[in-house]
Every structure is written in structure tokens, then in C-alpha cells.
């Protein structure tokens, strides 16, 4: 699942790009979730609360009294070098700016579905190459675990067990590991952190994951985790 933002103040252009992404993803048997934003400010407001975006298809020239696409990309790049930025615009003069903010590609309007498909494929490959991982020292040696594969983490005495495709137990604190995770993780109490990507159900006392695992939820965090889920989805 790739979470993709389309930011364009022209609704017709935003709809066209979104539809082209969906068709390209379907043709490649890839799941995508797409959100549209009418301005750079609208995207930034959402991004500050939820940084789980994998790709941003971004118009450059937007409303003259607001932030343009290049300015938004520059703000993103101060802390986020993982999100794949694709400029979609009708203007040639900003190509150099695209390099400055590490843009993946620069698509000139009118954009074809074939070009969007090609860029989508490149973005997915780059994300795979750059995907964040935890490097763990276990009793069996050094392990690299992709963050996207982690379902939840739990504390057992002085050890933390990371539940991914396998379970890995390390002598580290939950707080230390939490600093290395991305914004899609939520701490459900003193002893557990869950990956919102894998949540199926939330009750007042627990979080049920898609594999059936049940993670305790501390009293008072029910509304907060529901807000986090709304932001994620």
C-alpha cells in the first residue's frame, strides 16, 4: 500500500492525475491510497500531523497569494528525504528548482497516463531502495528489519520484542526504538507500540491487528488512537 498525495489548485487536473495513478497502480497490481489537496498550505497542514505519505504529485504554480509547489517541497526536504516528489506543471522554468529539492521527476502538462505510470514505477522502486529499517543486535546476530513489516513492539522485563515476519528480541528500551520508527506507529501504553498499517479494530481496552494479535490499549488513549487512524487513512 502506497499513500499518495495530489496537490493542485485545479480540481480537473487533480482528478485526472489521481485517476491516472489509480489506473497505473491497478495495471501493476499495486494498492494505492490517494488524497487530494487544493493548495500547498492544505497539504502542509495535514502533513504536520501525519507524515505517512510515500509520494507527492505536486503542481508548482498555485494561488498567487499562497505557497507555491517549490516552496512546499523545500519545507518538506528540511526533514523528509524519503517522500517522492513529482512536479506536475505547465511551466518549464522551474526545472532547476526541482533538482534542488530532490524531485524524482518533472511532468509537463498535459500529462499522459503512460508517463504517470512510468514515474509511479520509478517512485516505488526508489522507496523500496530507501525504505527505513531497524538494525537489531539479537542473540542470533545482526538483523535488518523493515519498518513497514513491523506489526507491533512489546516490552518484556528488560527486553523488547519486535513482531514482524519473525519475532526479534533485543535488550533495548521501547523509547529508544520508538525514535527510529515513522509517524505510522502509535504507543498504546507503557509497554506497547502498534503499526497503524496493521490495525483492524479498536476497542476501549485493546487494539486488534489484522493477524488477530491483541494489543492492550491504556485508558484514556481511545480517542487519540482513533484520531491517529483517521489521519493515517
C-alpha atoms as a PDB file:
ATOM      1  CA  UNK A   1       0.000   0.000   0.000  1.00  0.00           C
ATOM      2  CA  UNK A   2       1.379   3.383  -1.048  1.00  0.00           C
ATOM      3  CA  UNK A   3      -0.106   6.585   0.330  1.00  0.00           C
ATOM      4  CA  UNK A   4      -0.059   9.288  -2.343  1.00  0.00           C
ATOM      5  CA  UNK A   5      -0.957  12.980  -2.202  1.00  0.00           C
ATOM      6  CA  UNK A   6      -2.004  15.020  -5.245  1.00  0.00           C
ATOM      7  CA  UNK A   7      -1.703  18.758  -4.643  1.00  0.00           C
ATOM      8  CA  UNK A   8      -3.168  21.017  -7.336  1.00  0.00           C
ATOM      9  CA  UNK A   9      -5.460  24.038  -7.171  1.00  0.00           C
ATOM     10  CA  UNK A  10      -7.141  22.956 -10.418  1.00  0.00           C
ATOM     11  CA  UNK A  11      -9.722  20.276  -9.484  1.00  0.00           C
ATOM     12  CA  UNK A  12      -9.896  18.897 -13.042  1.00  0.00           C
ATOM     13  CA  UNK A  13      -6.118  18.419 -13.176  1.00  0.00           C
ATOM     14  CA  UNK A  14      -6.075  16.856  -9.710  1.00  0.00           C
ATOM     15  CA  UNK A  15      -8.826  14.414 -10.706  1.00  0.00           C
ATOM     16  CA  UNK A  16      -7.031  13.488 -13.925  1.00  0.00           C
ATOM     17  CA  UNK A  17      -3.705  12.800 -12.180  1.00  0.00           C
ATOM     18  CA  UNK A  18      -5.436  10.823  -9.413  1.00  0.00           C
ATOM     19  CA  UNK A  19      -7.337   8.677 -11.925  1.00  0.00           C
ATOM     20  CA  UNK A  20      -4.161   8.066 -13.940  1.00  0.00           C
ATOM     21  CA  UNK A  21      -2.315   6.973 -10.779  1.00  0.00           C
ATOM     22  CA  UNK A  22      -5.140   4.580  -9.870  1.00  0.00           C
ATOM     23  CA  UNK A  23      -5.164   3.020 -13.346  1.00  0.00           C
ATOM     24  CA  UNK A  24      -1.385   2.681 -13.400  1.00  0.00           C
ATOM     25  CA  UNK A  25      -1.393   1.114  -9.943  1.00  0.00           C
ATOM     26  CA  UNK A  26      -4.119  -1.357 -10.912  1.00  0.00           C
ATOM     27  CA  UNK A  27      -2.186  -2.343 -14.021  1.00  0.00           C
ATOM     28  CA  UNK A  28       0.809  -3.127 -11.795  1.00  0.00           C
ATOM     29  CA  UNK A  29      -1.259  -4.913  -9.116  1.00  0.00           C
ATOM     30  CA  UNK A  30      -0.274  -2.273  -6.561  1.00  0.00           C
ATOM     31  CA  UNK A  31      -2.543  -0.851  -3.870  1.00  0.00           C
ATOM     32  CA  UNK A  32      -2.616   2.930  -3.500  1.00  0.00           C
ATOM     33  CA  UNK A  33      -4.489   5.390  -1.332  1.00  0.00           C
ATOM     34  CA  UNK A  34      -4.792   8.870  -2.831  1.00  0.00           C
ATOM     35  CA  UNK A  35      -5.655  12.163  -1.141  1.00  0.00           C
ATOM     36  CA  UNK A  36      -6.195  15.433  -2.995  1.00  0.00           C
ATOM     37  CA  UNK A  37      -5.255  18.868  -1.666  1.00  0.00           C
ATOM     38  CA  UNK A  38      -6.288  22.203  -3.255  1.00  0.00           C
ATOM     39  CA  UNK A  39      -3.250  24.139  -2.005  1.00  0.00           C
ATOM     40  CA  UNK A  40       0.244  23.744  -0.617  1.00  0.00           C
ATOM     41  CA  UNK A  41      -0.999  25.055   2.726  1.00  0.00           C
ATOM     42  CA  UNK A  42      -3.732  22.401   2.885  1.00  0.00           C
ATOM     43  CA  UNK A  43      -1.213  19.638   2.321  1.00  0.00           C
ATOM     44  CA  UNK A  44       1.272  21.070   4.818  1.00  0.00           C
ATOM     45  CA  UNK A  45      -1.419  21.369   7.499  1.00  0.00           C
ATOM     46  CA  UNK A  46      -2.236  17.677   7.106  1.00  0.00           C
ATOM     47  CA  UNK A  47       1.413  16.626   6.765  1.00  0.00           C
ATOM     48  CA  UNK A  48       2.407  18.243  10.062  1.00  0.00           C
ATOM     49  CA  UNK A  49       0.031  15.844  11.856  1.00  0.00           C
ATOM     50  CA  UNK A  50       0.567  12.816   9.648  1.00  0.00           C
ATOM     51  CA  UNK A  51       3.820  12.224   7.769  1.00  0.00           C
ATOM     52  CA  UNK A  52       2.863   8.840   6.330  1.00  0.00           C
ATOM     53  CA  UNK A  53       2.927   9.931   2.687  1.00  0.00           C
ATOM     54  CA  UNK A  54       5.060   7.987   0.233  1.00  0.00           C
ATOM     55  CA  UNK A  55       4.617  10.197  -2.846  1.00  0.00           C
ATOM     56  CA  UNK A  56       3.511  13.739  -3.632  1.00  0.00           C
ATOM     57  CA  UNK A  57       2.358  14.742  -7.128  1.00  0.00           C
ATOM     58  CA  UNK A  58       2.703  18.491  -6.837  1.00  0.00           C
ATOM     59  CA  UNK A  59       1.679  21.423  -9.006  1.00  0.00           C
ATOM     60  CA  UNK A  60       4.082  24.372  -8.859  1.00  0.00           C
ATOM     61  CA  UNK A  61       2.086  27.436  -9.845  1.00  0.00           C
ATOM     62  CA  UNK A  62      -0.835  27.713  -7.447  1.00  0.00           C
ATOM     63  CA  UNK A  63      -2.766  30.608  -5.954  1.00  0.00           C
ATOM     64  CA  UNK A  64      -0.605  33.766  -6.158  1.00  0.00           C
ATOM     65  CA  UNK A  65      -1.264  34.711  -2.521  1.00  0.00           C
ATOM     66  CA  UNK A  66      -0.139  31.342  -1.165  1.00  0.00           C
ATOM     67  CA  UNK A  67       2.820  28.988  -1.053  1.00  0.00           C
ATOM     68  CA  UNK A  68       3.885  27.508  -4.408  1.00  0.00           C
ATOM     69  CA  UNK A  69       4.957  23.940  -5.036  1.00  0.00           C
ATOM     70  CA  UNK A  70       8.685  24.620  -4.901  1.00  0.00           C
ATOM     71  CA  UNK A  71       8.360  26.361  -1.538  1.00  0.00           C
ATOM     72  CA  UNK A  72       6.354  23.438  -0.184  1.00  0.00           C
ATOM     73  CA  UNK A  73       8.934  20.944  -1.463  1.00  0.00           C
ATOM     74  CA  UNK A  74      11.737  22.923   0.177  1.00  0.00           C
ATOM     75  CA  UNK A  75       9.930  22.814   3.530  1.00  0.00           C
ATOM     76  CA  UNK A  76       9.405  19.069   3.198  1.00  0.00           C
ATOM     77  CA  UNK A  77      13.046  18.415   2.387  1.00  0.00           C
ATOM     78  CA  UNK A  78      14.279  20.044   5.588  1.00  0.00           C
ATOM     79  CA  UNK A  79      13.330  16.872   7.466  1.00  0.00           C
ATOM     80  CA  UNK A  80      11.923  14.372   4.987  1.00  0.00           C
ATOM     81  CA  UNK A  81      14.123  12.901   2.275  1.00  0.00           C
ATOM     82  CA  UNK A  82      12.024   9.795   1.777  1.00  0.00           C
ATOM     83  CA  UNK A  83       8.825  11.195   0.256  1.00  0.00           C
ATOM     84  CA  UNK A  84       8.973  11.028  -3.542  1.00  0.00           C
ATOM     85  CA  UNK A  85       8.120  14.426  -5.040  1.00  0.00           C
ATOM     86  CA  UNK A  86       6.870  14.602  -8.629  1.00  0.00           C
ATOM     87  CA  UNK A  87       6.221  18.054 -10.052  1.00  0.00           C
ATOM     88  CA  UNK A  88       3.246  18.209 -12.412  1.00  0.00           C
ATOM     89  CA  UNK A  89       3.102  21.625 -14.044  1.00  0.00           C
ATOM     90  CA  UNK A  90       2.741  23.576 -17.234  1.00  0.00           C
ATOM     91  CA  UNK A  91       5.865  25.657 -16.725  1.00  0.00           C
ATOM     92  CA  UNK A  92       9.406  24.812 -17.830  1.00  0.00           C
ATOM     93  CA  UNK A  93      11.273  27.462 -15.870  1.00  0.00           C
ATOM     94  CA  UNK A  94      11.161  25.585 -12.559  1.00  0.00           C
ATOM     95  CA  UNK A  95      13.118  22.521 -13.649  1.00  0.00           C
ATOM     96  CA  UNK A  96      16.292  23.673 -11.880  1.00  0.00           C
ATOM     97  CA  UNK A  97      14.328  24.140  -8.656  1.00  0.00           C
ATOM     98  CA  UNK A  98      13.166  20.556  -8.958  1.00  0.00           C
ATOM     99  CA  UNK A  99      16.747  19.350  -8.728  1.00  0.00           C
ATOM    100  CA  UNK A 100      17.350  21.490  -5.643  1.00  0.00           C
ATOM    101  CA  UNK A 101      14.554  19.740  -3.732  1.00  0.00           C
ATOM    102  CA  UNK A 102      15.472  16.246  -4.937  1.00  0.00           C
ATOM    103  CA  UNK A 103      12.363  15.870  -7.068  1.00  0.00           C
ATOM    104  CA  UNK A 104      12.019  12.444  -8.636  1.00  0.00           C
ATOM    105  CA  UNK A 105      10.638  13.793 -11.897  1.00  0.00           C
ATOM    106  CA  UNK A 106       9.167  16.816 -13.643  1.00  0.00           C
ATOM    107  CA  UNK A 107       6.000  16.153 -15.668  1.00  0.00           C
ATOM    108  CA  UNK A 108       4.777  18.797 -18.063  1.00  0.00           C
ATOM    109  CA  UNK A 109       1.045  19.254 -18.546  1.00  0.00           C
ATOM    110  CA  UNK A 110      -0.828  17.839 -20.332  1.00  0.00           C
ATOM    111  CA  UNK A 111       0.355  14.606 -18.728  1.00  0.00           C
ATOM    112  CA  UNK A 112      -0.267  11.199 -20.247  1.00  0.00           C
ATOM    113  CA  UNK A 113      -1.225   8.107 -18.281  1.00  0.00           C
ATOM    114  CA  UNK A 114       1.822   6.335 -19.685  1.00  0.00           C
ATOM    115  CA  UNK A 115       4.165   8.968 -18.238  1.00  0.00           C
ATOM    116  CA  UNK A 116       2.474   8.849 -14.859  1.00  0.00           C
ATOM    117  CA  UNK A 117       2.760   5.063 -14.873  1.00  0.00           C
ATOM    118  CA  UNK A 118       6.466   5.265 -15.624  1.00  0.00           C
ATOM    119  CA  UNK A 119       7.048   7.769 -12.827  1.00  0.00           C
ATOM    120  CA  UNK A 120       4.960   5.718 -10.400  1.00  0.00           C
ATOM    121  CA  UNK A 121       7.146   2.707 -11.109  1.00  0.00           C
ATOM    122  CA  UNK A 122      10.337   4.708 -10.514  1.00  0.00           C
ATOM    123  CA  UNK A 123       8.955   6.119  -7.264  1.00  0.00           C
ATOM    124  CA  UNK A 124       8.035   2.667  -5.964  1.00  0.00           C
ATOM    125  CA  UNK A 125      11.479   1.331  -6.788  1.00  0.00           C
ATOM    126  CA  UNK A 126      13.199   4.226  -5.058  1.00  0.00           C
ATOM    127  CA  UNK A 127      11.020   3.767  -1.981  1.00  0.00           C
ATOM    128  CA  UNK A 128      11.963   0.112  -1.834  1.00  0.00           C
ATOM    129  CA  UNK A 129      15.629   1.008  -2.133  1.00  0.00           C
ATOM    130  CA  UNK A 130      15.429   3.637   0.588  1.00  0.00           C
ATOM    131  CA  UNK A 131      12.936   2.047   2.925  1.00  0.00           C
ATOM    132  CA  UNK A 132      13.720   2.623   6.565  1.00  0.00           C
ATOM    133  CA  UNK A 133      14.738  -0.340   8.636  1.00  0.00           C
ATOM    134  CA  UNK A 134      15.710  -1.176  12.187  1.00  0.00           C
ATOM    135  CA  UNK A 135      19.146  -2.683  12.693  1.00  0.00           C
ATOM    136  CA  UNK A 136      18.935  -5.041  15.633  1.00  0.00           C
ATOM    137  CA  UNK A 137      21.513  -6.939  17.650  1.00  0.00           C
ATOM    138  CA  UNK A 138      19.896 -10.206  18.729  1.00  0.00           C
ATOM    139  CA  UNK A 139      21.185 -13.444  20.217  1.00  0.00           C
ATOM    140  CA  UNK A 140      21.366 -14.796  16.645  1.00  0.00           C
ATOM    141  CA  UNK A 141      23.411 -11.862  15.337  1.00  0.00           C
ATOM    142  CA  UNK A 142      22.684  -8.606  13.500  1.00  0.00           C
ATOM    143  CA  UNK A 143      19.279  -8.274  11.846  1.00  0.00           C
ATOM    144  CA  UNK A 144      17.795  -5.707   9.459  1.00  0.00           C
ATOM    145  CA  UNK A 145      14.017  -5.437   9.832  1.00  0.00           C
ATOM    146  CA  UNK A 146      11.957  -3.250   7.506  1.00  0.00           C
ATOM    147  CA  UNK A 147       9.813  -0.825   9.467  1.00  0.00           C
ATOM    148  CA  UNK A 148       6.851  -1.431   7.161  1.00  0.00           C
ATOM    149  CA  UNK A 149       6.892  -5.126   8.178  1.00  0.00           C
ATOM    150  CA  UNK A 150       6.726  -4.448  11.927  1.00  0.00           C
ATOM    151  CA  UNK A 151       3.237  -5.083  13.329  1.00  0.00           C
ATOM    152  CA  UNK A 152       3.881  -4.138  16.930  1.00  0.00           C
ATOM    153  CA  UNK A 153       6.534  -3.941  19.660  1.00  0.00           C
ATOM    154  CA  UNK A 154       6.187  -5.051  23.258  1.00  0.00           C
ATOM    155  CA  UNK A 155       8.269  -4.802  26.412  1.00  0.00           C
ATOM    156  CA  UNK A 156       9.029  -7.932  28.430  1.00  0.00           C
ATOM    157  CA  UNK A 157      11.051  -7.117  31.526  1.00  0.00           C
ATOM    158  CA  UNK A 158      14.297  -5.539  30.261  1.00  0.00           C
ATOM    159  CA  UNK A 159      13.790  -6.645  26.660  1.00  0.00           C
ATOM    160  CA  UNK A 160      11.702  -5.513  23.693  1.00  0.00           C
ATOM    161  CA  UNK A 161      10.238  -7.968  21.203  1.00  0.00           C
ATOM    162  CA  UNK A 162       9.662  -6.674  17.673  1.00  0.00           C
ATOM    163  CA  UNK A 163       6.899  -8.600  15.911  1.00  0.00           C
ATOM    164  CA  UNK A 164       7.438  -8.616  12.151  1.00  0.00           C
ATOM    165  CA  UNK A 165       7.592 -11.597   9.784  1.00  0.00           C
ATOM    166  CA  UNK A 166       9.513 -13.137  12.680  1.00  0.00           C
ATOM    167  CA  UNK A 167       9.816 -12.070  16.305  1.00  0.00           C
ATOM    168  CA  UNK A 168      13.096 -10.422  17.330  1.00  0.00           C
ATOM    169  CA  UNK A 169      14.015  -9.782  20.963  1.00  0.00           C
ATOM    170  CA  UNK A 170      16.615  -7.162  21.858  1.00  0.00           C
ATOM    171  CA  UNK A 171      17.930  -5.590  25.027  1.00  0.00           C
ATOM    172  CA  UNK A 172      16.913  -2.020  24.279  1.00  0.00           C
ATOM    173  CA  UNK A 173      14.283   0.324  25.660  1.00  0.00           C
ATOM    174  CA  UNK A 174      10.971   0.903  23.933  1.00  0.00           C
ATOM    175  CA  UNK A 175      11.672   4.628  23.955  1.00  0.00           C
ATOM    176  CA  UNK A 176      14.942   4.145  22.028  1.00  0.00           C
ATOM    177  CA  UNK A 177      13.254   2.070  19.353  1.00  0.00           C
ATOM    178  CA  UNK A 178      10.323   4.488  19.149  1.00  0.00           C
ATOM    179  CA  UNK A 179      12.690   7.229  17.986  1.00  0.00           C
ATOM    180  CA  UNK A 180      13.636   5.118  14.951  1.00  0.00           C
ATOM    181  CA  UNK A 181      10.069   4.411  13.818  1.00  0.00           C
ATOM    182  CA  UNK A 182       7.978   6.508  11.450  1.00  0.00           C
ATOM    183  CA  UNK A 183       4.807   8.508  12.088  1.00  0.00           C
ATOM    184  CA  UNK A 184       2.558   5.498  11.397  1.00  0.00           C
ATOM    185  CA  UNK A 185       3.328   3.984  14.792  1.00  0.00           C
ATOM    186  CA  UNK A 186       1.260   4.683  17.906  1.00  0.00           C
ATOM    187  CA  UNK A 187       2.208   3.984  21.513  1.00  0.00           C
ATOM    188  CA  UNK A 188      -0.762   2.293  23.172  1.00  0.00           C
ATOM    189  CA  UNK A 189       0.721   2.365  26.676  1.00  0.00           C
ATOM    190  CA  UNK A 190       3.920   1.906  28.624  1.00  0.00           C
ATOM    191  CA  UNK A 191       4.701  -1.456  27.081  1.00  0.00           C
ATOM    192  CA  UNK A 192       3.352  -1.487  23.515  1.00  0.00           C
ATOM    193  CA  UNK A 193       3.653   0.316  20.184  1.00  0.00           C
ATOM    194  CA  UNK A 194       1.470  -0.644  17.197  1.00  0.00           C
ATOM    195  CA  UNK A 195       1.867  -0.025  13.491  1.00  0.00           C
ATOM    196  CA  UNK A 196      -1.350   1.667  12.319  1.00  0.00           C
ATOM    197  CA  UNK A 197      -0.912   0.000   8.920  1.00  0.00           C
ATOM    198  CA  UNK A 198      -1.928  -3.309  10.512  1.00  0.00           C
ATOM    199  CA  UNK A 199      -4.812  -2.219  12.750  1.00  0.00           C
ATOM    200  CA  UNK A 200      -8.164  -3.901  12.072  1.00  0.00           C
ATOM    201  CA  UNK A 201     -10.240  -2.916  15.108  1.00  0.00           C
ATOM    202  CA  UNK A 202     -10.015  -0.636  18.141  1.00  0.00           C
ATOM    203  CA  UNK A 203     -11.955  -1.136  21.378  1.00  0.00           C
ATOM    204  CA  UNK A 204     -11.816   0.780  24.643  1.00  0.00           C
ATOM    205  CA  UNK A 205      -9.256  -1.649  26.053  1.00  0.00           C
ATOM    206  CA  UNK A 206      -7.326  -3.127  23.126  1.00  0.00           C
ATOM    207  CA  UNK A 207      -6.178  -2.827  19.532  1.00  0.00           C
ATOM    208  CA  UNK A 208      -6.825  -5.840  17.305  1.00  0.00           C
ATOM    209  CA  UNK A 209      -4.443  -6.297  14.406  1.00  0.00           C
ATOM    210  CA  UNK A 210      -5.180  -7.864  11.029  1.00  0.00           C
ATOM    211  CA  UNK A 211      -3.396 -11.080  12.037  1.00  0.00           C
ATOM    212  CA  UNK A 212      -5.586 -11.392  15.144  1.00  0.00           C
ATOM    213  CA  UNK A 213      -2.984 -10.173  17.642  1.00  0.00           C
ATOM    214  CA  UNK A 214      -4.489  -8.218  20.551  1.00  0.00           C
ATOM    215  CA  UNK A 215      -2.526  -5.296  21.957  1.00  0.00           C
ATOM    216  CA  UNK A 216      -3.636  -3.647  25.237  1.00  0.00           C
ATOM    217  CA  UNK A 217      -4.772  -0.019  24.989  1.00  0.00           C
ATOM    218  CA  UNK A 218      -4.247   2.214  28.017  1.00  0.00           C
ATOM    219  CA  UNK A 219      -7.235   4.002  29.479  1.00  0.00           C
ATOM    220  CA  UNK A 220      -7.618   7.476  28.020  1.00  0.00           C
ATOM    221  CA  UNK A 221      -5.944   6.730  24.659  1.00  0.00           C
ATOM    222  CA  UNK A 222      -9.054   5.503  22.812  1.00  0.00           C
ATOM    223  CA  UNK A 223      -9.926   8.881  21.275  1.00  0.00           C
ATOM    224  CA  UNK A 224      -6.282   9.659  20.489  1.00  0.00           C
ATOM    225  CA  UNK A 225      -5.633   6.432  18.579  1.00  0.00           C
ATOM    226  CA  UNK A 226      -8.887   6.873  16.660  1.00  0.00           C
ATOM    227  CA  UNK A 227      -7.755  10.346  15.624  1.00  0.00           C
ATOM    228  CA  UNK A 228      -4.427   8.880  14.562  1.00  0.00           C
ATOM    229  CA  UNK A 229      -6.203   6.236  12.479  1.00  0.00           C
ATOM    230  CA  UNK A 230      -8.372   8.872  10.786  1.00  0.00           C
ATOM    231  CA  UNK A 231      -5.240  10.858   9.932  1.00  0.00           C
ATOM    232  CA  UNK A 232      -3.468   7.759   8.639  1.00  0.00           C
ATOM    233  CA  UNK A 233      -6.356   6.625   6.449  1.00  0.00           C
END
